[in-house]
Amino acid sequence: MNPFMPDLVYFEPDALSYPLGQELHRKFSKLGTPIEMTRSHNRITGLPGSSELEKYRIAKRTLVVGVRKTLKFDTSKPSAEYAIPLATGCMGHCHYCYLQTTLGNRPYIRVYVNLDEIFAQAEKYIKERAPEITRFEASCTSDPVGIEHLTGSLKKTIEFMATQPLAQLRFVTKFAHVDSLLDADHRGHTRFRFSVNADYVVKQFEPATSPLADRIEAAKKVSKAGFPLGFIIAPIMIFDGWEEQYEALLRQLAEALPPGRQELTFELITHRYTATAKRLIEERYPKTKLEMNEEERKKKWGRYGRVKYVYQDEQMNAIKEKLPRWIASYFPEAVISYIT
C-alpha cells in the first residue's frame, strides 16, 4: 500500500508563517496538488461531490494545514494523561472507528504546524506533574504515522519527548510506513503500538489501511530499533470462528517478533457502538457487514447519559477469559494494560 497523498489541500493563511506550513506549501505546489485557502481549519465548506457520501469520501482525501490555537490538551484515559494534538482525522476507512461520531461532519485530515507552541504547552504539563511521569497520547484523533511522510511531526515529537526525563509518548497505528522513524533518538521514552486484529476484521472493516502482514513486518523493524512496543487488539469482535482467528493472530505475532522482547504491552478493547455511530456508519458504508443489532447487545450507560451497545455478559466473559490466556501463553513476558 502506497503512503497517503491528498487530492486537495487547504491552508490557513497563518500556517504559512511557520516553517512546516511553508514546507508543505512548497511540497504540494511542486506536486501540482490543488491548493485552496481557508479562514479556519475547523470549517471547510464547498468540498466537491454530488451527494453526502461522495463528499465524505472526498473529505477523507483532503488535507487541511492549520495552526492549533487551542493549546489546552484533552485528557486521554486510560492510556495517558494528555492527548498531544499533532493532527485530527484519518485517511483510513475503518467502518467501526469512533472518529465517525467525534469528527462528525469534519472528516478531513487536519495537521498543525505550530509544533514549538505545542511542545511548550506539553512542557508546562510535565512541570506541573513533576516528579510524576506524564504520558502523552499522539493518536487520540488521528493516525500520525499515516501522514508522517508528509509532515515529519511525529519524529520531532519523539525526539522532543526524549529530552524530557519525566515524559513518555505513546501512539498507535494501522500503517506500516515506519522507516523514517526508525533512527529517531527516542531514548526509550516512546511506546510504538500497532493496532492489529483477526483476519476477518482487517479484511472486512479496515479499508485504506496497511495489510496485517505489513503491520507485523513494521512491528519487527520497530522492535529492532529499540522502541518499547505494544499492540492494541481492537475492536475485538464475535463472529464465526473468532476464537481460532484471534489465537492465530497471537501465534503469528509470536512467530514474527524477534526473541528477547522487553516491555511488551497489550491493550484489549471489545466492539461497542452508539446509536449515532450506527446511523453514520450505515450512511457512509452502506454495504458494511458490521454487526450492530441492538437486540443482541447489552446497554451500557456512559458519561453524559450516552448509551453504548456492548456484548452480552456471556460473550464478554468469553473474550476476557480467552484473550488474556492466549497472550500469557504466547507472550509470558507481556503486560496487559487493560481490557474493556
C-alpha atoms as a PDB file:
ATOM      1  CA  MET A   1       0.000   0.000   0.000  1.00  0.00           C
ATOM      2  CA  ASN A   2       1.366   3.404  -1.002  1.00  0.00           C
ATOM      3  CA  PRO A   3       1.556   6.212   1.572  1.00  0.00           C
ATOM      4  CA  PHE A   4      -1.370   8.636   1.608  1.00  0.00           C
ATOM      5  CA  MET A   5      -1.284  11.596  -0.763  1.00  0.00           C
ATOM      6  CA  PRO A   6      -4.151  14.106  -0.637  1.00  0.00           C
ATOM      7  CA  ASP A   7      -6.167  15.045  -3.712  1.00  0.00           C
ATOM      8  CA  LEU A   8      -6.848  18.534  -2.342  1.00  0.00           C
ATOM      9  CA  VAL A   9      -5.064  20.716   0.238  1.00  0.00           C
ATOM     10  CA  TYR A  10      -6.318  23.720   2.190  1.00  0.00           C
ATOM     11  CA  PHE A  11      -4.096  26.178   4.061  1.00  0.00           C
ATOM     12  CA  GLU A  12      -4.942  28.652   6.767  1.00  0.00           C
ATOM     13  CA  PRO A  13      -3.110  31.923   5.998  1.00  0.00           C
ATOM     14  CA  ASP A  14      -1.402  31.868   9.419  1.00  0.00           C
ATOM     15  CA  ALA A  15       0.012  28.399   8.713  1.00  0.00           C
ATOM     16  CA  LEU A  16       2.287  29.954   6.103  1.00  0.00           C
ATOM     17  CA  SER A  17       4.053  31.892   8.873  1.00  0.00           C
ATOM     18  CA  TYR A  18       5.517  28.630  10.233  1.00  0.00           C
ATOM     19  CA  PRO A  19       8.388  26.635   8.700  1.00  0.00           C
ATOM     20  CA  LEU A  20       6.325  23.446   8.421  1.00  0.00           C
ATOM     21  CA  GLY A  21       3.472  25.316   6.735  1.00  0.00           C
ATOM     22  CA  GLN A  22       5.883  26.842   4.228  1.00  0.00           C
ATOM     23  CA  GLU A  23       7.486  23.447   3.592  1.00  0.00           C
ATOM     24  CA  LEU A  24       4.141  21.782   2.956  1.00  0.00           C
ATOM     25  CA  HIS A  25       3.030  24.583   0.634  1.00  0.00           C
ATOM     26  CA  ARG A  26       6.211  24.204  -1.426  1.00  0.00           C
ATOM     27  CA  LYS A  27       5.803  20.422  -1.485  1.00  0.00           C
ATOM     28  CA  PHE A  28       2.228  20.399  -2.749  1.00  0.00           C
ATOM     29  CA  SER A  29       2.835  23.259  -5.176  1.00  0.00           C
ATOM     30  CA  LYS A  30       5.676  21.277  -6.723  1.00  0.00           C
ATOM     31  CA  LEU A  31       3.480  18.157  -6.927  1.00  0.00           C
ATOM     32  CA  GLY A  32       0.722  20.115  -8.628  1.00  0.00           C
ATOM     33  CA  THR A  33      -1.829  19.245  -5.917  1.00  0.00           C
ATOM     34  CA  PRO A  34      -4.812  21.658  -5.994  1.00  0.00           C
ATOM     35  CA  ILE A  35      -4.394  24.198  -3.168  1.00  0.00           C
ATOM     36  CA  GLU A  36      -7.106  26.350  -1.614  1.00  0.00           C
ATOM     37  CA  MET A  37      -7.061  28.852   1.260  1.00  0.00           C
ATOM     38  CA  THR A  38      -9.423  28.711   4.224  1.00  0.00           C
ATOM     39  CA  ARG A  39     -10.103  31.052   7.120  1.00  0.00           C
ATOM     40  CA  SER A  40     -10.310  28.178   9.602  1.00  0.00           C
ATOM     41  CA  HIS A  41      -9.065  24.596   9.634  1.00  0.00           C
ATOM     42  CA  ASN A  42     -12.202  23.739  11.597  1.00  0.00           C
ATOM     43  CA  ARG A  43     -14.624  24.796   8.877  1.00  0.00           C
ATOM     44  CA  ILE A  44     -14.094  23.646   5.314  1.00  0.00           C
ATOM     45  CA  THR A  45     -17.035  24.349   3.013  1.00  0.00           C
ATOM     46  CA  GLY A  46     -17.634  23.826  -0.659  1.00  0.00           C
ATOM     47  CA  LEU A  47     -15.995  20.422  -0.980  1.00  0.00           C
ATOM     48  CA  PRO A  48     -16.844  18.851  -4.353  1.00  0.00           C
ATOM     49  CA  GLY A  49     -19.315  15.986  -4.565  1.00  0.00           C
ATOM     50  CA  SER A  50     -22.895  15.490  -5.692  1.00  0.00           C
ATOM     51  CA  SER A  51     -24.004  13.585  -2.577  1.00  0.00           C
ATOM     52  CA  GLU A  52     -23.139  13.462   1.112  1.00  0.00           C
ATOM     53  CA  LEU A  53     -21.487  10.079   0.621  1.00  0.00           C
ATOM     54  CA  GLU A  54     -19.317  11.396  -2.215  1.00  0.00           C
ATOM     55  CA  LYS A  55     -18.391  14.493  -0.183  1.00  0.00           C
ATOM     56  CA  TYR A  56     -17.413  12.264   2.723  1.00  0.00           C
ATOM     57  CA  ARG A  57     -15.094  10.202   0.531  1.00  0.00           C
ATOM     58  CA  ILE A  58     -13.543  13.338  -0.957  1.00  0.00           C
ATOM     59  CA  ALA A  59     -13.086  14.808   2.539  1.00  0.00           C
ATOM     60  CA  LYS A  60     -11.104  11.713   3.537  1.00  0.00           C
ATOM     61  CA  ARG A  61      -8.717  12.569   0.687  1.00  0.00           C
ATOM     62  CA  THR A  62      -8.418  16.220   1.749  1.00  0.00           C
ATOM     63  CA  LEU A  63      -5.604  17.663   3.880  1.00  0.00           C
ATOM     64  CA  VAL A  64      -6.016  20.890   5.845  1.00  0.00           C
ATOM     65  CA  VAL A  65      -2.915  22.667   7.146  1.00  0.00           C
ATOM     66  CA  GLY A  66      -3.566  24.936  10.092  1.00  0.00           C
ATOM     67  CA  VAL A  67      -2.456  26.419  13.391  1.00  0.00           C
ATOM     68  CA  ARG A  68      -3.600  24.759  16.602  1.00  0.00           C
ATOM     69  CA  LYS A  69      -4.973  27.726  18.545  1.00  0.00           C
ATOM     70  CA  THR A  70      -6.466  25.785  21.467  1.00  0.00           C
ATOM     71  CA  LEU A  71      -3.445  24.619  23.441  1.00  0.00           C
ATOM     72  CA  LYS A  72      -5.364  23.105  26.314  1.00  0.00           C
ATOM     73  CA  PHE A  73      -4.756  19.385  25.829  1.00  0.00           C
ATOM     74  CA  ASP A  74      -7.610  16.916  26.238  1.00  0.00           C
ATOM     75  CA  THR A  75      -7.228  14.085  28.734  1.00  0.00           C
ATOM     76  CA  SER A  76      -6.619  10.601  27.340  1.00  0.00           C
ATOM     77  CA  LYS A  77      -7.527   7.936  29.872  1.00  0.00           C
ATOM     78  CA  PRO A  78      -6.703   5.108  30.313  1.00  0.00           C
ATOM     79  CA  SER A  79      -3.636   5.182  28.057  1.00  0.00           C
ATOM     80  CA  ALA A  80      -2.184   8.567  29.035  1.00  0.00           C
ATOM     81  CA  GLU A  81      -2.674  11.771  30.993  1.00  0.00           C
ATOM     82  CA  TYR A  82      -2.956  14.021  27.936  1.00  0.00           C
ATOM     83  CA  ALA A  83      -3.595  13.875  24.197  1.00  0.00           C
ATOM     84  CA  ILE A  84      -0.899  15.827  22.333  1.00  0.00           C
ATOM     85  CA  PRO A  85      -2.550  17.453  19.280  1.00  0.00           C
ATOM     86  CA  LEU A  86      -0.433  16.846  16.180  1.00  0.00           C
ATOM     87  CA  ALA A  87      -3.287  16.097  13.793  1.00  0.00           C
ATOM     88  CA  THR A  88      -7.014  15.381  13.586  1.00  0.00           C
ATOM     89  CA  GLY A  89      -8.673  12.945  11.216  1.00  0.00           C
ATOM     90  CA  CYS A  90      -7.508   9.814   9.430  1.00  0.00           C
ATOM     91  CA  MET A  91      -7.254   8.618   5.845  1.00  0.00           C
ATOM     92  CA  GLY A  92      -8.304   5.089   6.815  1.00  0.00           C
ATOM     93  CA  HIS A  93     -11.849   3.867   6.259  1.00  0.00           C
ATOM     94  CA  CYS A  94     -12.341   1.634   9.302  1.00  0.00           C
ATOM     95  CA  HIS A  95     -16.089   1.108   9.469  1.00  0.00           C
ATOM     96  CA  TYR A  96     -16.244   0.890  13.261  1.00  0.00           C
ATOM     97  CA  CYS A  97     -13.998   3.867  14.094  1.00  0.00           C
ATOM     98  CA  TYR A  98     -15.148   6.175  16.910  1.00  0.00           C
ATOM     99  CA  LEU A  99     -13.970   9.144  14.834  1.00  0.00           C
ATOM    100  CA  GLN A 100     -17.158   8.629  12.801  1.00  0.00           C
ATOM    101  CA  THR A 101     -19.013  10.414  15.573  1.00  0.00           C
ATOM    102  CA  THR A 102     -16.336  12.540  17.249  1.00  0.00           C
ATOM    103  CA  LEU A 103     -15.382  14.237  13.972  1.00  0.00           C
ATOM    104  CA  GLY A 104     -18.958  14.352  12.693  1.00  0.00           C
ATOM    105  CA  ASN A 105     -19.156  16.445   9.537  1.00  0.00           C
ATOM    106  CA  ARG A 106     -15.414  17.254   9.563  1.00  0.00           C
ATOM    107  CA  PRO A 107     -13.755  14.008   8.442  1.00  0.00           C
ATOM    108  CA  TYR A 108     -10.973  15.779   6.527  1.00  0.00           C
ATOM    109  CA  ILE A 109      -7.420  15.429   7.834  1.00  0.00           C
ATOM    110  CA  ARG A 110      -6.014  18.404   9.734  1.00  0.00           C
ATOM    111  CA  VAL A 111      -2.337  18.848  10.566  1.00  0.00           C
ATOM    112  CA  TYR A 112      -0.964  21.540  12.862  1.00  0.00           C
ATOM    113  CA  VAL A 113       2.224  23.412  12.047  1.00  0.00           C
ATOM    114  CA  ASN A 114       2.902  25.296  15.304  1.00  0.00           C
ATOM    115  CA  LEU A 115       4.853  22.430  16.828  1.00  0.00           C
ATOM    116  CA  ASP A 116       7.079  24.577  19.061  1.00  0.00           C
ATOM    117  CA  GLU A 117       3.997  26.054  20.747  1.00  0.00           C
ATOM    118  CA  ILE A 118       2.507  22.578  21.197  1.00  0.00           C
ATOM    119  CA  PHE A 119       5.788  21.319  22.707  1.00  0.00           C
ATOM    120  CA  ALA A 120       5.987  24.340  25.031  1.00  0.00           C
ATOM    121  CA  GLN A 121       2.493  23.545  26.326  1.00  0.00           C
ATOM    122  CA  ALA A 122       3.458  19.899  26.830  1.00  0.00           C
ATOM    123  CA  GLU A 123       6.458  21.018  28.851  1.00  0.00           C
ATOM    124  CA  LYS A 124       4.166  23.066  31.125  1.00  0.00           C
ATOM    125  CA  TYR A 125       2.067  19.967  31.831  1.00  0.00           C
ATOM    126  CA  ILE A 126       5.214  17.959  32.538  1.00  0.00           C
ATOM    127  CA  LYS A 127       6.438  20.536  35.058  1.00  0.00           C
ATOM    128  CA  GLU A 128       3.025  20.751  36.748  1.00  0.00           C
ATOM    129  CA  ARG A 129       3.016  16.988  37.426  1.00  0.00           C
ATOM    130  CA  ALA A 130       6.673  16.633  38.410  1.00  0.00           C
ATOM    131  CA  PRO A 131       8.086  14.434  39.875  1.00  0.00           C
ATOM    132  CA  GLU A 132       5.457  12.078  38.391  1.00  0.00           C
ATOM    133  CA  ILE A 133       5.778  10.807  34.828  1.00  0.00           C
ATOM    134  CA  THR A 134       3.402  12.471  32.351  1.00  0.00           C
ATOM    135  CA  ARG A 135       2.256  10.335  29.426  1.00  0.00           C
ATOM    136  CA  PHE A 136       1.103  11.853  26.139  1.00  0.00           C
ATOM    137  CA  GLU A 137      -1.038  10.048  23.553  1.00  0.00           C
ATOM    138  CA  ALA A 138      -0.496  11.200  19.944  1.00  0.00           C
ATOM    139  CA  SER A 139      -3.228   9.157  18.265  1.00  0.00           C
ATOM    140  CA  CYS A 140      -6.481  10.016  20.024  1.00  0.00           C
ATOM    141  CA  THR A 141      -7.958  11.759  16.992  1.00  0.00           C
ATOM    142  CA  SER A 142      -5.684  10.637  14.174  1.00  0.00           C
ATOM    143  CA  ASP A 143      -3.135   8.105  12.979  1.00  0.00           C
ATOM    144  CA  PRO A 144       0.064  10.201  12.947  1.00  0.00           C
ATOM    145  CA  VAL A 145       2.122   7.524  11.161  1.00  0.00           C
ATOM    146  CA  GLY A 146      -0.208   7.786   8.172  1.00  0.00           C
ATOM    147  CA  ILE A 147       0.873  11.390   7.492  1.00  0.00           C
ATOM    148  CA  GLU A 148       4.430  11.269   8.860  1.00  0.00           C
ATOM    149  CA  HIS A 149       5.958  11.074   5.371  1.00  0.00           C
ATOM    150  CA  LEU A 150       4.344  14.461   4.674  1.00  0.00           C
ATOM    151  CA  THR A 151       4.906  16.340   7.938  1.00  0.00           C
ATOM    152  CA  GLY A 152       7.771  14.761   9.893  1.00  0.00           C
ATOM    153  CA  SER A 153       5.911  15.936  13.006  1.00  0.00           C
ATOM    154  CA  LEU A 154       5.894  12.603  14.791  1.00  0.00           C
ATOM    155  CA  LYS A 155       9.675  12.206  14.638  1.00  0.00           C
ATOM    156  CA  LYS A 156      10.103  15.732  16.021  1.00  0.00           C
ATOM    157  CA  THR A 157       7.699  14.841  18.840  1.00  0.00           C
ATOM    158  CA  ILE A 158       9.546  11.610  19.631  1.00  0.00           C
ATOM    159  CA  GLU A 159      12.842  13.479  19.845  1.00  0.00           C
ATOM    160  CA  PHE A 160      11.315  16.272  21.950  1.00  0.00           C
ATOM    161  CA  MET A 161       9.961  13.726  24.447  1.00  0.00           C
ATOM    162  CA  ALA A 162      13.401  12.087  24.579  1.00  0.00           C
ATOM    163  CA  THR A 163      14.746  15.309  26.127  1.00  0.00           C
ATOM    164  CA  GLN A 164      12.122  15.251  28.896  1.00  0.00           C
ATOM    165  CA  PRO A 165      13.134  12.934  31.772  1.00  0.00           C
ATOM    166  CA  LEU A 166       9.576  12.928  33.162  1.00  0.00           C
ATOM    167  CA  ALA A 167       7.662  12.424  29.903  1.00  0.00           C
ATOM    168  CA  GLN A 168       6.577   9.482  27.795  1.00  0.00           C
ATOM    169  CA  LEU A 169       4.943   9.436  24.367  1.00  0.00           C
ATOM    170  CA  ARG A 170       2.534   6.832  23.044  1.00  0.00           C
ATOM    171  CA  PHE A 171       0.782   6.383  19.722  1.00  0.00           C
ATOM    172  CA  VAL A 172      -0.877   3.602  17.764  1.00  0.00           C
ATOM    173  CA  THR A 173      -1.056   2.998  14.032  1.00  0.00           C
ATOM    174  CA  LYS A 174      -2.565   0.798  11.348  1.00  0.00           C
ATOM    175  CA  PHE A 175       0.088   1.881   8.857  1.00  0.00           C
ATOM    176  CA  ALA A 176       3.403   0.241   8.054  1.00  0.00           C
ATOM    177  CA  HIS A 177       5.294   3.293   6.754  1.00  0.00           C
ATOM    178  CA  VAL A 178       7.696   3.499   9.692  1.00  0.00           C
ATOM    179  CA  ASP A 179      11.151   3.661   8.081  1.00  0.00           C
ATOM    180  CA  SER A 180      11.632   7.402   8.645  1.00  0.00           C
ATOM    181  CA  LEU A 181      11.078   6.897  12.385  1.00  0.00           C
ATOM    182  CA  LEU A 182      13.494   4.042  12.985  1.00  0.00           C
ATOM    183  CA  ASP A 183      16.559   6.247  13.549  1.00  0.00           C
ATOM    184  CA  ALA A 184      14.729   8.681  15.857  1.00  0.00           C
ATOM    185  CA  ASP A 185      16.528   9.432  19.129  1.00  0.00           C
ATOM    186  CA  HIS A 186      13.751   8.095  21.375  1.00  0.00           C
ATOM    187  CA  ARG A 187      15.810   7.097  24.464  1.00  0.00           C
ATOM    188  CA  GLY A 188      13.079   4.651  25.409  1.00  0.00           C
ATOM    189  CA  HIS A 189      10.543   7.434  26.058  1.00  0.00           C
ATOM    190  CA  THR A 190       8.170   6.466  23.229  1.00  0.00           C
ATOM    191  CA  ARG A 191       5.970   3.389  23.089  1.00  0.00           C
ATOM    192  CA  PHE A 192       5.211   2.457  19.493  1.00  0.00           C
ATOM    193  CA  ARG A 193       1.964   0.467  19.266  1.00  0.00           C
ATOM    194  CA  PHE A 194       0.302  -1.273  16.370  1.00  0.00           C
ATOM    195  CA  SER A 195      -3.406  -1.886  16.002  1.00  0.00           C
ATOM    196  CA  VAL A 196      -3.933  -5.497  14.945  1.00  0.00           C
ATOM    197  CA  ASN A 197      -6.949  -7.727  14.627  1.00  0.00           C
ATOM    198  CA  ALA A 198      -8.298 -11.034  13.399  1.00  0.00           C
ATOM    199  CA  ASP A 199      -8.002 -11.621   9.674  1.00  0.00           C
ATOM    200  CA  TYR A 200     -11.773 -11.339   9.186  1.00  0.00           C
ATOM    201  CA  VAL A 201     -11.932  -7.926  10.885  1.00  0.00           C
ATOM    202  CA  VAL A 202      -8.970  -6.474   8.991  1.00  0.00           C
ATOM    203  CA  LYS A 203     -10.265  -7.594   5.598  1.00  0.00           C
ATOM    204  CA  GLN A 204     -13.913  -6.654   6.130  1.00  0.00           C
ATOM    205  CA  PHE A 205     -13.731  -3.446   8.131  1.00  0.00           C
ATOM    206  CA  GLU A 206     -10.335  -1.735   7.696  1.00  0.00           C
ATOM    207  CA  PRO A 207     -10.110  -0.452   4.091  1.00  0.00           C
ATOM    208  CA  ALA A 208      -7.343   2.020   3.174  1.00  0.00           C
ATOM    209  CA  THR A 209      -5.004   0.777   5.921  1.00  0.00           C
ATOM    210  CA  SER A 210      -1.872  -1.353   5.666  1.00  0.00           C
ATOM    211  CA  PRO A 211      -2.436  -5.122   5.432  1.00  0.00           C
ATOM    212  CA  LEU A 212      -1.899  -7.035   8.663  1.00  0.00           C
ATOM    213  CA  ALA A 213       1.259  -8.731   7.382  1.00  0.00           C
ATOM    214  CA  ASP A 214       2.791  -5.329   6.607  1.00  0.00           C
ATOM    215  CA  ARG A 215       1.960  -4.031  10.094  1.00  0.00           C
ATOM    216  CA  ILE A 216       3.615  -7.063  11.661  1.00  0.00           C
ATOM    217  CA  GLU A 217       6.708  -6.565   9.491  1.00  0.00           C
ATOM    218  CA  ALA A 218       6.784  -2.911  10.591  1.00  0.00           C
ATOM    219  CA  ALA A 219       6.499  -4.008  14.235  1.00  0.00           C
ATOM    220  CA  LYS A 220       9.595  -6.170  13.751  1.00  0.00           C
ATOM    221  CA  LYS A 221      11.512  -3.127  12.493  1.00  0.00           C
ATOM    222  CA  VAL A 222      10.319  -1.009  15.408  1.00  0.00           C
ATOM    223  CA  SER A 223      11.313  -3.691  17.917  1.00  0.00           C
ATOM    224  CA  LYS A 224      14.788  -3.937  16.390  1.00  0.00           C
ATOM    225  CA  ALA A 225      15.102  -0.138  16.627  1.00  0.00           C
ATOM    226  CA  GLY A 226      14.729  -0.448  20.404  1.00  0.00           C
ATOM    227  CA  PHE A 227      11.361   1.216  20.849  1.00  0.00           C
ATOM    228  CA  PRO A 228       9.153  -0.086  23.650  1.00  0.00           C
ATOM    229  CA  LEU A 229       6.490  -1.978  21.687  1.00  0.00           C
ATOM    230  CA  GLY A 230       2.813  -2.606  22.178  1.00  0.00           C
ATOM    231  CA  PHE A 231      -0.250  -3.946  20.405  1.00  0.00           C
ATOM    232  CA  ILE A 232      -3.846  -2.848  20.593  1.00  0.00           C
ATOM    233  CA  ILE A 233      -6.348  -5.522  19.629  1.00  0.00           C
ATOM    234  CA  ALA A 234      -9.443  -3.501  18.884  1.00  0.00           C
ATOM    235  CA  PRO A 235     -12.240  -3.830  18.380  1.00  0.00           C
ATOM    236  CA  ILE A 236     -12.421  -7.468  19.435  1.00  0.00           C
ATOM    237  CA  MET A 237     -15.427  -8.956  17.663  1.00  0.00           C
ATOM    238  CA  ILE A 238     -17.542 -12.054  17.991  1.00  0.00           C
ATOM    239  CA  PHE A 239     -18.019 -13.850  14.664  1.00  0.00           C
ATOM    240  CA  ASP A 240     -17.985 -17.428  13.392  1.00  0.00           C
ATOM    241  CA  GLY A 241     -14.514 -18.764  14.154  1.00  0.00           C
ATOM    242  CA  TRP A 242     -13.446 -15.779  16.274  1.00  0.00           C
ATOM    243  CA  GLU A 243     -11.579 -17.947  18.803  1.00  0.00           C
ATOM    244  CA  GLU A 244      -9.450 -19.633  16.153  1.00  0.00           C
ATOM    245  CA  GLN A 245      -8.661 -16.372  14.381  1.00  0.00           C
ATOM    246  CA  TYR A 246      -7.649 -14.417  17.491  1.00  0.00           C
ATOM    247  CA  GLU A 247      -5.415 -17.219  18.719  1.00  0.00           C
ATOM    248  CA  ALA A 248      -3.912 -17.454  15.221  1.00  0.00           C
ATOM    249  CA  LEU A 249      -3.235 -13.712  15.328  1.00  0.00           C
ATOM    250  CA  LEU A 250      -1.288 -14.037  18.578  1.00  0.00           C
ATOM    251  CA  ARG A 251       0.607 -17.047  17.277  1.00  0.00           C
ATOM    252  CA  GLN A 252       1.512 -15.082  14.137  1.00  0.00           C
ATOM    253  CA  LEU A 253       2.822 -12.173  16.244  1.00  0.00           C
ATOM    254  CA  ALA A 254       4.857 -14.502  18.451  1.00  0.00           C
ATOM    255  CA  GLU A 255       6.454 -16.206  15.450  1.00  0.00           C
ATOM    256  CA  ALA A 256       7.293 -12.908  13.744  1.00  0.00           C
ATOM    257  CA  LEU A 257       8.756 -10.839  16.559  1.00  0.00           C
ATOM    258  CA  PRO A 258      12.433 -11.185  17.492  1.00  0.00           C
ATOM    259  CA  PRO A 259      13.257 -13.015  20.743  1.00  0.00           C
ATOM    260  CA  GLY A 260      14.108 -11.178  23.937  1.00  0.00           C
ATOM    261  CA  ARG A 261      11.222  -8.717  23.715  1.00  0.00           C
ATOM    262  CA  GLN A 262      11.086  -6.366  26.672  1.00  0.00           C
ATOM    263  CA  GLU A 263       8.267  -4.143  27.963  1.00  0.00           C
ATOM    264  CA  LEU A 264       5.720  -5.593  25.546  1.00  0.00           C
ATOM    265  CA  THR A 265       2.163  -4.410  26.240  1.00  0.00           C
ATOM    266  CA  PHE A 266      -1.309  -5.349  25.039  1.00  0.00           C
ATOM    267  CA  GLU A 267      -4.476  -3.258  25.186  1.00  0.00           C
ATOM    268  CA  LEU A 268      -7.748  -5.093  24.545  1.00  0.00           C
ATOM    269  CA  ILE A 269     -10.950  -3.301  23.558  1.00  0.00           C
ATOM    270  CA  THR A 270     -14.198  -5.078  22.677  1.00  0.00           C
ATOM    271  CA  HIS A 271     -16.538  -3.811  19.991  1.00  0.00           C
ATOM    272  CA  ARG A 272     -19.175  -1.297  21.049  1.00  0.00           C
ATOM    273  CA  TYR A 273     -21.165   1.402  19.289  1.00  0.00           C
ATOM    274  CA  THR A 274     -23.729   4.138  19.889  1.00  0.00           C
ATOM    275  CA  ALA A 275     -26.962   4.785  18.010  1.00  0.00           C
ATOM    276  CA  THR A 276     -25.376   7.875  16.420  1.00  0.00           C
ATOM    277  CA  ALA A 277     -22.351   5.872  15.302  1.00  0.00           C
ATOM    278  CA  LYS A 278     -24.575   3.183  13.793  1.00  0.00           C
ATOM    279  CA  ARG A 279     -26.503   5.764  11.775  1.00  0.00           C
ATOM    280  CA  LEU A 280     -23.322   7.374  10.407  1.00  0.00           C
ATOM    281  CA  ILE A 281     -21.632   4.050   9.675  1.00  0.00           C
ATOM    282  CA  GLU A 282     -24.627   2.793   7.703  1.00  0.00           C
ATOM    283  CA  GLU A 283     -24.793   6.079   5.761  1.00  0.00           C
ATOM    284  CA  ARG A 284     -21.096   6.089   4.900  1.00  0.00           C
ATOM    285  CA  TYR A 285     -20.584   2.348   4.402  1.00  0.00           C
ATOM    286  CA  PRO A 286     -24.000   1.145   3.217  1.00  0.00           C
ATOM    287  CA  LYS A 287     -22.727  -2.349   2.387  1.00  0.00           C
ATOM    288  CA  THR A 288     -20.955  -2.900   5.704  1.00  0.00           C
ATOM    289  CA  LYS A 289     -21.178  -6.307   7.337  1.00  0.00           C
ATOM    290  CA  LEU A 290     -20.587  -4.807  10.763  1.00  0.00           C
ATOM    291  CA  GLU A 291     -22.901  -6.460  13.306  1.00  0.00           C
ATOM    292  CA  MET A 292     -24.958  -3.742  15.033  1.00  0.00           C
ATOM    293  CA  ASN A 293     -28.152  -5.413  16.258  1.00  0.00           C
ATOM    294  CA  GLU A 294     -29.239  -3.716  19.472  1.00  0.00           C
ATOM    295  CA  GLU A 295     -31.475  -6.645  20.410  1.00  0.00           C
ATOM    296  CA  GLU A 296     -28.411  -8.866  20.711  1.00  0.00           C
ATOM    297  CA  ARG A 297     -26.433  -6.362  22.753  1.00  0.00           C
ATOM    298  CA  LYS A 298     -26.345  -5.054  26.283  1.00  0.00           C
ATOM    299  CA  LYS A 299     -26.849  -1.387  27.053  1.00  0.00           C
ATOM    300  CA  LYS A 300     -24.050   0.344  28.895  1.00  0.00           C
ATOM    301  CA  TRP A 301     -24.507   3.870  30.172  1.00  0.00           C
ATOM    302  CA  GLY A 302     -21.546   6.168  29.645  1.00  0.00           C
ATOM    303  CA  ARG A 303     -20.768   9.744  30.545  1.00  0.00           C
ATOM    304  CA  TYR A 304     -23.367  12.437  29.827  1.00  0.00           C
ATOM    305  CA  GLY A 305     -26.122   9.839  29.605  1.00  0.00           C
ATOM    306  CA  ARG A 306     -24.825   8.275  26.414  1.00  0.00           C
ATOM    307  CA  VAL A 307     -25.771   4.664  25.732  1.00  0.00           C
ATOM    308  CA  LYS A 308     -23.275   2.236  24.249  1.00  0.00           C
ATOM    309  CA  TYR A 309     -24.208  -1.174  22.945  1.00  0.00           C
ATOM    310  CA  VAL A 310     -21.707  -3.770  24.157  1.00  0.00           C
ATOM    311  CA  TYR A 311     -21.595  -7.554  24.066  1.00  0.00           C
ATOM    312  CA  GLN A 312     -23.731  -9.581  26.434  1.00  0.00           C
ATOM    313  CA  ASP A 313     -22.052 -10.754  29.651  1.00  0.00           C
ATOM    314  CA  GLU A 314     -21.541 -14.312  28.407  1.00  0.00           C
ATOM    315  CA  GLN A 315     -19.728 -13.126  25.278  1.00  0.00           C
ATOM    316  CA  MET A 316     -17.753 -10.509  27.181  1.00  0.00           C
ATOM    317  CA  ASN A 317     -16.656 -13.069  29.757  1.00  0.00           C
ATOM    318  CA  ALA A 318     -15.500 -15.418  26.993  1.00  0.00           C
ATOM    319  CA  ILE A 319     -13.351 -12.670  25.485  1.00  0.00           C
ATOM    320  CA  LYS A 320     -11.934 -11.657  28.868  1.00  0.00           C
ATOM    321  CA  GLU A 321     -11.063 -15.264  29.693  1.00  0.00           C
ATOM    322  CA  LYS A 322      -9.605 -16.397  26.364  1.00  0.00           C
ATOM    323  CA  LEU A 323      -7.614 -13.435  25.056  1.00  0.00           C
ATOM    324  CA  PRO A 324      -5.524 -12.969  28.247  1.00  0.00           C
ATOM    325  CA  ARG A 325      -4.923 -16.730  28.399  1.00  0.00           C
ATOM    326  CA  TRP A 326      -3.606 -16.819  24.837  1.00  0.00           C
ATOM    327  CA  ILE A 327      -1.454 -13.751  25.439  1.00  0.00           C
ATOM    328  CA  ALA A 328       0.045 -15.348  28.565  1.00  0.00           C
ATOM    329  CA  SER A 329       0.795 -18.471  26.552  1.00  0.00           C
ATOM    330  CA  TYR A 330       2.480 -16.792  23.581  1.00  0.00           C
ATOM    331  CA  PHE A 331       3.896 -13.746  25.392  1.00  0.00           C
ATOM    332  CA  PRO A 332       4.611 -14.678  29.018  1.00  0.00           C
ATOM    333  CA  GLU A 333       6.696 -11.535  29.458  1.00  0.00           C
ATOM    334  CA  ALA A 334       3.912  -9.168  28.241  1.00  0.00           C
ATOM    335  CA  VAL A 335       1.710  -6.886  30.313  1.00  0.00           C
ATOM    336  CA  ILE A 336      -1.995  -6.436  29.543  1.00  0.00           C
ATOM    337  CA  SER A 337      -2.531  -2.735  30.238  1.00  0.00           C
ATOM    338  CA  TYR A 338      -6.305  -3.031  30.277  1.00  0.00           C
ATOM    339  CA  ILE A 339      -9.216  -4.955  28.818  1.00  0.00           C
ATOM    340  CA  THR A 340     -12.550  -3.274  28.313  1.00  0.00           C
END
